[in-house]
């Protein structure tokens, strides 16, 4: 009988000890905790990306641009964008430009029109404390009148031609409120050809905003 009681007692203490060991939570390393916290925040952010209301996905605005030189160009370009995520957006826009080309005598002046497709990605928020840094890529086609001499009469005439351009670059967004902002960007055309463009330089500086 004593043996049975001893066996039961040992079994009881063994069970209690095992349960206590099982209940012990091993302290995780600090780096592992930080990694788990980062992953959790990233997952929450990714989940929130899909919860942007449709009315808040669209934004409207435009750019103002100018270049001066032998060819002077003043640009007014309205646009509408669509946020695929809080950081990445795509959009379309229209372009109207006033052009003065001093390569001709007298100066050749005209209005230019066209459209563009663009994409924009916010690389960093509050970059150097100045604003949100973004990358920008854009394809644009403009239509302009080109002067030429009629080979039959020798008279100066005009014809409308298309001038495509591809721009890459970036800029800064200075937020104004929750959904509005002021932008300044520098865009460069790596395929620039001064004989096949309405721009005086491959580099374009644009100032604008959105809401």
Protein backbone atom coordinates (compact mmCIF):
# COMPACT_ATOMS: atom_id res chain seq x y z
CA UNK A 1 0.00 0.00 0.00
CA UNK A 2 2.86 2.33 0.87
CA UNK A 3 4.41 1.66 -2.54
CA UNK A 4 1.17 2.60 -4.29
CA UNK A 5 0.92 5.85 -2.29
CA UNK A 6 4.58 6.65 -3.09
CA UNK A 7 4.04 6.05 -6.80
CA UNK A 8 0.92 8.26 -6.84
CA UNK A 9 2.78 11.03 -4.95
CA UNK A 10 5.75 10.94 -7.34
CA UNK A 11 3.43 10.97 -10.34
CA UNK A 12 1.57 14.00 -8.91
CA UNK A 13 4.77 16.01 -8.39
CA UNK A 14 6.07 15.04 -11.82
CA UNK A 15 2.82 16.22 -13.46
CA UNK A 16 2.89 19.55 -11.61
CA UNK A 17 6.56 20.13 -12.46
CA UNK A 18 5.96 19.31 -16.14
CA UNK A 19 2.99 21.68 -16.30
CA UNK A 20 5.08 24.45 -14.78
CA UNK A 21 7.85 23.91 -17.32
CA UNK A 22 5.33 23.90 -20.14
CA UNK A 23 3.88 27.18 -18.89
CA UNK A 24 7.20 28.99 -18.81
CA UNK A 25 7.46 31.57 -21.61
CA UNK A 26 10.99 32.01 -22.87
CA UNK A 27 11.96 35.67 -23.22
CA UNK A 28 12.53 36.48 -26.90
CA UNK A 29 15.61 38.45 -28.01
CA UNK A 30 15.05 42.20 -28.44
CA UNK A 31 15.87 42.06 -32.16
CA UNK A 32 13.28 39.33 -32.71
CA UNK A 33 10.68 41.45 -30.91
CA UNK A 34 11.46 44.44 -33.13
CA UNK A 35 11.25 42.28 -36.25
CA UNK A 36 7.85 40.91 -35.22
CA UNK A 37 6.62 44.44 -34.49
CA UNK A 38 7.84 45.66 -37.90
CA UNK A 39 6.18 42.76 -39.70
CA UNK A 40 2.93 43.39 -37.81
CA UNK A 41 2.96 47.09 -38.71
CA UNK A 42 3.70 46.26 -42.35
CA UNK A 43 0.81 43.78 -42.47
CA UNK A 44 -1.54 46.34 -40.95
CA UNK A 45 -0.40 48.92 -43.49
CA UNK A 46 -0.84 46.51 -46.40
CA UNK A 47 -4.32 45.68 -45.14
CA UNK A 48 -5.16 49.37 -44.95
CA UNK A 49 -3.97 49.91 -48.54
CA UNK A 50 -6.97 47.97 -49.78
CA UNK A 51 -9.36 49.93 -47.59
CA UNK A 52 -8.94 53.35 -49.25
CA UNK A 53 -12.45 54.63 -50.08
CA UNK A 54 -13.05 55.08 -53.79
CA UNK A 55 -13.73 58.79 -53.32
CA UNK A 56 -10.28 59.22 -51.77
CA UNK A 57 -8.42 57.32 -54.46
CA UNK A 58 -8.88 60.10 -57.01
CA UNK A 59 -7.00 63.38 -56.84
CA UNK A 60 -6.95 66.39 -59.12
CA UNK A 61 -4.41 69.07 -59.85
CA UNK A 62 -1.82 69.99 -62.38
CA UNK A 63 1.56 71.48 -63.15
CA UNK A 64 2.95 74.75 -64.33
CA UNK A 65 6.22 74.64 -66.21
CA UNK A 66 8.46 76.94 -68.20
CA UNK A 67 11.72 76.80 -70.11
CA UNK A 68 13.50 79.72 -71.70
CA UNK A 69 16.12 79.98 -74.39
CA UNK A 70 16.10 79.81 -78.16
CA UNK A 71 12.81 77.99 -77.68
CA UNK A 72 10.59 79.48 -74.97
CA UNK A 73 7.82 77.23 -73.65
CA UNK A 74 5.15 77.95 -71.02
CA UNK A 75 3.22 74.89 -69.87
CA UNK A 76 -0.20 74.56 -68.17
CA UNK A 77 -1.07 70.92 -67.55
CA UNK A 78 -4.17 69.78 -65.60
CA UNK A 79 -4.30 66.15 -64.51
CA UNK A 80 -6.29 63.53 -62.60
CA UNK A 81 -4.61 60.75 -60.62
CA UNK A 82 -5.74 57.48 -59.07
CA UNK A 83 -4.14 56.04 -55.93
CA UNK A 84 -3.58 52.31 -56.28
CA UNK A 85 -1.98 52.43 -52.82
CA UNK A 86 -1.22 55.36 -50.52
CA UNK A 87 2.24 55.60 -52.11
CA UNK A 88 1.71 54.56 -55.73
CA UNK A 89 -0.58 56.29 -58.20
CA UNK A 90 -1.19 56.51 -61.95
CA UNK A 91 -2.99 59.14 -63.95
CA UNK A 92 -3.70 61.06 -67.13
CA UNK A 93 -3.41 64.70 -68.01
CA UNK A 94 -3.79 67.30 -70.69
CA UNK A 95 -1.23 69.85 -71.81
CA UNK A 96 -1.44 73.32 -73.26
CA UNK A 97 1.69 75.26 -74.11
CA UNK A 98 2.60 78.59 -75.55
CA UNK A 99 5.72 78.36 -77.72
CA UNK A 100 8.04 80.97 -79.14
CA UNK A 101 10.84 79.75 -81.42
CA UNK A 102 13.56 82.32 -82.03
CA UNK A 103 15.31 80.22 -84.66
CA UNK A 104 13.06 81.91 -87.21
CA UNK A 105 12.77 85.53 -88.31
CA UNK A 106 10.37 86.83 -87.22
CA UNK A 107 9.94 84.67 -84.12
CA UNK A 108 7.65 81.72 -84.67
CA UNK A 109 4.81 81.63 -82.10
CA UNK A 110 2.05 79.12 -81.57
CA UNK A 111 -0.15 77.17 -79.17
CA UNK A 112 0.59 73.50 -78.53
CA UNK A 113 -1.71 70.83 -77.14
CA UNK A 114 -1.55 67.17 -76.18
CA UNK A 115 -1.84 64.62 -73.39
CA UNK A 116 0.20 62.39 -71.14
CA UNK A 117 0.17 59.25 -68.99
CA UNK A 118 2.14 59.16 -65.75
CA UNK A 119 2.97 57.12 -62.68
CA UNK A 120 4.23 58.38 -59.34
CA UNK A 121 5.64 56.63 -56.28
CA UNK A 122 6.33 58.14 -52.85
CA UNK A 123 9.83 56.99 -51.91
CA UNK A 124 10.13 58.60 -48.49
CA UNK A 125 7.88 60.59 -46.18
CA UNK A 126 9.22 63.82 -44.67
CA UNK A 127 12.48 63.56 -46.65
CA UNK A 128 15.16 65.58 -44.82
CA UNK A 129 12.33 67.39 -43.09
CA UNK A 130 11.40 69.13 -46.36
CA UNK A 131 8.57 67.06 -47.85
CA UNK A 132 7.63 63.68 -49.31
CA UNK A 133 10.13 62.49 -51.92
CA UNK A 134 8.61 60.89 -55.03
CA UNK A 135 9.76 59.29 -58.28
CA UNK A 136 7.90 60.12 -61.50
CA UNK A 137 7.73 58.59 -64.99
CA UNK A 138 5.70 60.03 -67.85
CA UNK A 139 4.92 59.55 -71.54
CA UNK A 140 3.65 62.61 -73.37
CA UNK A 141 2.63 63.41 -76.94
CA UNK A 142 2.22 67.00 -78.08
CA UNK A 143 0.91 68.33 -81.37
CA UNK A 144 2.46 71.46 -82.83
CA UNK A 145 2.58 73.36 -86.10
CA UNK A 146 5.89 73.18 -87.91
CA UNK A 147 6.91 75.81 -90.49
CA UNK A 148 8.34 74.70 -93.81
CA UNK A 149 8.99 76.12 -97.25
CA UNK A 150 6.73 74.91 -100.04
CA UNK A 151 9.08 73.47 -102.73
CA UNK A 152 6.65 74.45 -105.46
CA UNK A 153 6.06 78.08 -104.52
CA UNK A 154 8.87 78.84 -102.09
CA UNK A 155 6.30 80.22 -99.67
CA UNK A 156 6.45 79.52 -95.96
CA UNK A 157 3.70 77.17 -94.79
CA UNK A 158 2.80 75.18 -91.69
CA UNK A 159 1.86 71.58 -90.94
CA UNK A 160 0.87 69.85 -87.67
CA UNK A 161 3.20 67.13 -86.36
CA UNK A 162 3.27 64.90 -83.27
CA UNK A 163 6.17 65.14 -80.81
CA UNK A 164 6.39 62.28 -78.30
CA UNK A 165 8.52 62.59 -75.14
CA UNK A 166 9.44 60.30 -72.27
CA UNK A 167 10.35 61.86 -68.92
CA UNK A 168 11.80 60.37 -65.76
CA UNK A 169 12.70 62.13 -62.56
CA UNK A 170 11.19 63.08 -59.26
CA UNK A 171 10.40 65.81 -56.83
CA UNK A 172 8.96 66.80 -53.50
CA UNK A 173 5.39 66.98 -52.21
CA UNK A 174 4.71 69.56 -49.52
CA UNK A 175 1.47 68.38 -47.87
CA UNK A 176 -1.26 70.92 -47.18
CA UNK A 177 -3.86 69.19 -45.03
CA UNK A 178 -4.74 65.51 -45.37
CA UNK A 179 -5.27 65.26 -49.13
CA UNK A 180 -3.79 68.38 -50.71
CA UNK A 181 -0.24 69.33 -51.51
CA UNK A 182 2.16 71.56 -53.36
CA UNK A 183 4.67 69.90 -55.72
CA UNK A 184 7.93 70.76 -57.40
CA UNK A 185 9.61 68.30 -59.75
CA UNK A 186 12.54 67.95 -62.13
CA UNK A 187 12.00 65.67 -65.13
CA UNK A 188 14.55 64.63 -67.73
CA UNK A 189 14.07 63.24 -71.25
CA UNK A 190 16.91 60.75 -71.92
CA UNK A 191 15.91 60.53 -75.61
CA UNK A 192 15.95 64.28 -76.21
CA UNK A 193 16.51 65.44 -79.80
CA UNK A 194 16.41 69.19 -80.36
CA UNK A 195 15.18 68.60 -83.91
CA UNK A 196 12.24 66.46 -82.74
CA UNK A 197 10.85 68.32 -79.76
CA UNK A 198 8.94 71.40 -78.69
CA UNK A 199 11.12 71.76 -75.58
CA UNK A 200 14.20 73.95 -75.45
CA UNK A 201 16.09 71.59 -73.10
CA UNK A 202 15.82 67.94 -72.01
CA UNK A 203 15.31 69.06 -68.39
CA UNK A 204 11.91 70.35 -67.34
CA UNK A 205 11.14 71.99 -64.00
CA UNK A 206 7.50 71.85 -62.98
CA UNK A 207 5.59 73.50 -60.16
CA UNK A 208 2.04 72.52 -59.31
CA UNK A 209 -0.29 71.00 -56.79
CA UNK A 210 -3.20 68.62 -56.17
CA UNK A 211 -6.26 68.19 -54.01
